């Protein structure tokens, strides 16, 4: 007699969850490596003021 397939849904869900967890780990590893490379290269974040310096002429209008 063969195995019954009463728990096929559980096995499929477990396999999908395992694959998703693997993909999440890979993406986290890639993101961590990119951040580490950015820090080493000295690339500023987009949120920092260094990324886009503001010119004083834009904020101050000359009266001459």
N, C-alpha and C. Protein backbone atom coordinates (compact mmCIF):
# COMPACT_ATOMS: atom_id res chain seq x y z
N UNK A 1 0.83 -1.18 0.00
CA UNK A 1 0.00 0.00 0.00
C UNK A 1 0.87 1.25 0.00
N UNK A 2 0.44 2.24 -0.72
CA UNK A 2 1.17 3.50 -0.79
C UNK A 2 0.79 4.44 0.33
N UNK A 3 1.50 5.52 0.41
CA UNK A 3 1.21 6.53 1.43
C UNK A 3 -0.07 7.26 1.08
N UNK A 4 -0.81 7.61 2.10
CA UNK A 4 -1.99 8.43 1.85
C UNK A 4 -1.54 9.87 1.65
N UNK A 5 -2.34 10.65 0.95
CA UNK A 5 -1.96 12.03 0.62
C UNK A 5 -2.77 13.03 1.44
N UNK A 6 -3.13 12.64 2.67
CA UNK A 6 -3.95 13.53 3.48
C UNK A 6 -3.21 14.78 3.94
N UNK A 7 -1.89 14.76 4.00
CA UNK A 7 -1.16 15.93 4.47
C UNK A 7 -0.38 16.61 3.34
N UNK A 8 -0.81 16.43 2.13
CA UNK A 8 -0.12 17.03 0.99
C UNK A 8 -0.12 18.55 1.08
N UNK A 9 -1.23 19.13 1.52
CA UNK A 9 -1.31 20.58 1.64
C UNK A 9 -0.32 21.12 2.64
N UNK A 10 -0.13 20.43 3.75
CA UNK A 10 0.82 20.87 4.76
C UNK A 10 2.24 20.81 4.23
N UNK A 11 2.56 19.76 3.52
CA UNK A 11 3.92 19.62 2.98
C UNK A 11 4.20 20.71 1.96
N UNK A 12 3.24 21.02 1.11
CA UNK A 12 3.41 22.06 0.11
C UNK A 12 3.61 23.43 0.75
N UNK A 13 2.83 23.68 1.80
CA UNK A 13 2.94 24.96 2.49
C UNK A 13 4.30 25.07 3.19
N UNK A 14 4.75 23.98 3.78
CA UNK A 14 6.06 23.99 4.45
C UNK A 14 7.17 24.22 3.43
N UNK A 15 7.06 23.60 2.28
CA UNK A 15 8.09 23.76 1.24
C UNK A 15 8.10 25.20 0.72
N UNK A 16 6.94 25.78 0.51
CA UNK A 16 6.87 27.18 0.06
C UNK A 16 7.46 28.11 1.11
N UNK A 17 7.16 27.86 2.38
CA UNK A 17 7.69 28.69 3.46
C UNK A 17 9.21 28.56 3.53
N UNK A 18 9.73 27.36 3.33
CA UNK A 18 11.17 27.15 3.36
C UNK A 18 11.85 27.90 2.22
N UNK A 19 11.27 27.82 1.03
CA UNK A 19 11.82 28.52 -0.12
C UNK A 19 11.77 30.04 0.09
N UNK A 20 10.68 30.54 0.65
CA UNK A 20 10.55 31.98 0.91
C UNK A 20 11.60 32.43 1.91
N UNK A 21 11.82 31.61 2.94
CA UNK A 21 12.83 31.95 3.95
C UNK A 21 14.21 32.01 3.32
N UNK A 22 14.52 31.08 2.42
CA UNK A 22 15.80 31.09 1.71
C UNK A 22 15.96 32.36 0.89
N UNK A 23 14.92 32.75 0.18
CA UNK A 23 14.97 33.95 -0.65
C UNK A 23 15.16 35.19 0.22
N UNK A 24 14.49 35.24 1.37
CA UNK A 24 14.64 36.37 2.28
C UNK A 24 16.07 36.47 2.79
N UNK A 25 16.66 35.34 3.12
CA UNK A 25 18.04 35.34 3.61
C UNK A 25 19.00 35.83 2.54
N UNK A 26 18.78 35.40 1.30
CA UNK A 26 19.64 35.83 0.20
C UNK A 26 19.52 37.33 -0.01
N UNK A 27 18.29 37.85 0.00
CA UNK A 27 18.11 39.28 -0.23
C UNK A 27 18.72 40.10 0.91
N UNK A 28 18.59 39.64 2.15
CA UNK A 28 19.21 40.34 3.28
C UNK A 28 20.72 40.35 3.14
N UNK A 29 21.27 39.23 2.71
CA UNK A 29 22.73 39.13 2.55
C UNK A 29 23.21 40.11 1.48
N UNK A 30 22.48 40.19 0.38
CA UNK A 30 22.85 41.10 -0.71
C UNK A 30 22.76 42.56 -0.25
N UNK A 31 21.68 42.89 0.45
CA UNK A 31 21.51 44.27 0.93
C UNK A 31 22.61 44.64 1.92
N UNK A 32 22.97 43.72 2.81
CA UNK A 32 24.02 44.00 3.78
C UNK A 32 25.35 44.23 3.07
N UNK A 33 25.61 43.45 2.04
CA UNK A 33 26.86 43.61 1.29
C UNK A 33 26.88 44.96 0.57
N UNK A 34 25.76 45.37 -0.01
CA UNK A 34 25.70 46.65 -0.70
C UNK A 34 25.91 47.80 0.29
N UNK A 35 25.31 47.72 1.46
CA UNK A 35 25.48 48.76 2.46
C UNK A 35 26.93 48.83 2.92
N UNK A 36 27.54 47.68 3.09
CA UNK A 36 28.94 47.64 3.51
C UNK A 36 29.83 48.26 2.43
N UNK A 37 29.55 47.95 1.16
CA UNK A 37 30.31 48.53 0.06
C UNK A 37 30.11 50.04 -0.01
N UNK A 38 28.90 50.51 0.22
CA UNK A 38 28.62 51.95 0.20
C UNK A 38 29.38 52.67 1.30
N UNK A 39 29.47 52.06 2.47
CA UNK A 39 30.19 52.67 3.57
C UNK A 39 31.67 52.75 3.25
N UNK A 40 32.21 51.67 2.69
CA UNK A 40 33.63 51.66 2.33
C UNK A 40 33.94 52.69 1.25
N UNK A 41 33.04 52.83 0.28
CA UNK A 41 33.26 53.75 -0.83
C UNK A 41 33.02 55.20 -0.41
N UNK A 42 32.36 55.39 0.70
CA UNK A 42 32.08 56.74 1.17
C UNK A 42 30.91 57.37 0.45
N UNK A 43 30.04 56.57 -0.12
CA UNK A 43 28.87 57.09 -0.81
C UNK A 43 27.85 57.54 0.23
N UNK A 44 27.43 58.79 0.21
CA UNK A 44 26.46 59.27 1.20
C UNK A 44 25.06 58.74 0.89
N UNK A 45 24.26 58.70 1.91
CA UNK A 45 22.86 58.28 1.74
C UNK A 45 22.08 59.39 1.06
N UNK A 46 20.96 59.04 0.46
CA UNK A 46 20.12 60.03 -0.20
C UNK A 46 19.46 60.96 0.82
N UNK A 47 19.31 60.51 2.05
CA UNK A 47 18.66 61.31 3.08
C UNK A 47 19.59 62.37 3.67
N UNK A 48 20.87 62.20 3.53
CA UNK A 48 21.81 63.12 4.17
C UNK A 48 21.91 64.43 3.38
N UNK A 49 22.36 65.47 4.06
CA UNK A 49 22.53 66.77 3.42
C UNK A 49 23.73 66.78 2.48
N UNK A 50 24.64 65.88 2.68
CA UNK A 50 25.84 65.81 1.85
C UNK A 50 25.49 65.35 0.43
N UNK A 51 24.45 64.53 0.31
CA UNK A 51 24.09 63.97 -0.99
C UNK A 51 23.74 65.08 -1.99
N UNK A 52 22.96 66.06 -1.56
CA UNK A 52 22.56 67.16 -2.43
C UNK A 52 22.81 68.47 -1.70
N UNK A 53 23.98 69.05 -1.85
CA UNK A 53 24.25 70.30 -1.14
C UNK A 53 23.36 71.41 -1.67
N UNK A 54 22.87 72.19 -0.75
CA UNK A 54 22.01 73.30 -1.13
C UNK A 54 22.86 74.54 -1.34
N UNK A 55 22.51 75.31 -2.33
CA UNK A 55 23.24 76.53 -2.61
C UNK A 55 22.63 77.68 -1.82
N UNK A 56 23.46 78.52 -1.31
CA UNK A 56 22.99 79.66 -0.54
C UNK A 56 22.25 80.65 -1.44
N UNK A 57 22.59 80.72 -2.70
CA UNK A 57 21.96 81.66 -3.62
C UNK A 57 20.49 81.35 -3.83
N UNK A 58 20.10 80.10 -3.69
CA UNK A 58 18.71 79.74 -3.87
C UNK A 58 17.83 80.28 -2.74
N UNK A 59 18.38 80.33 -1.54
CA UNK A 59 17.61 80.75 -0.39
C UNK A 59 17.66 82.25 -0.14
N UNK A 60 18.73 82.91 -0.55
CA UNK A 60 18.93 84.34 -0.30
C UNK A 60 18.84 85.09 -1.63
N UNK A 61 17.94 86.04 -1.68
CA UNK A 61 17.81 86.83 -2.89
C UNK A 61 18.64 88.09 -2.74
N UNK A 62 19.39 88.39 -3.74
CA UNK A 62 20.23 89.58 -3.67
C UNK A 62 19.40 90.82 -3.97
N UNK A 63 19.78 91.92 -3.34
CA UNK A 63 19.02 93.15 -3.52
C UNK A 63 19.79 94.15 -4.38
N UNK A 64 20.83 93.69 -5.05
CA UNK A 64 21.63 94.61 -5.84
C UNK A 64 21.13 94.71 -7.26
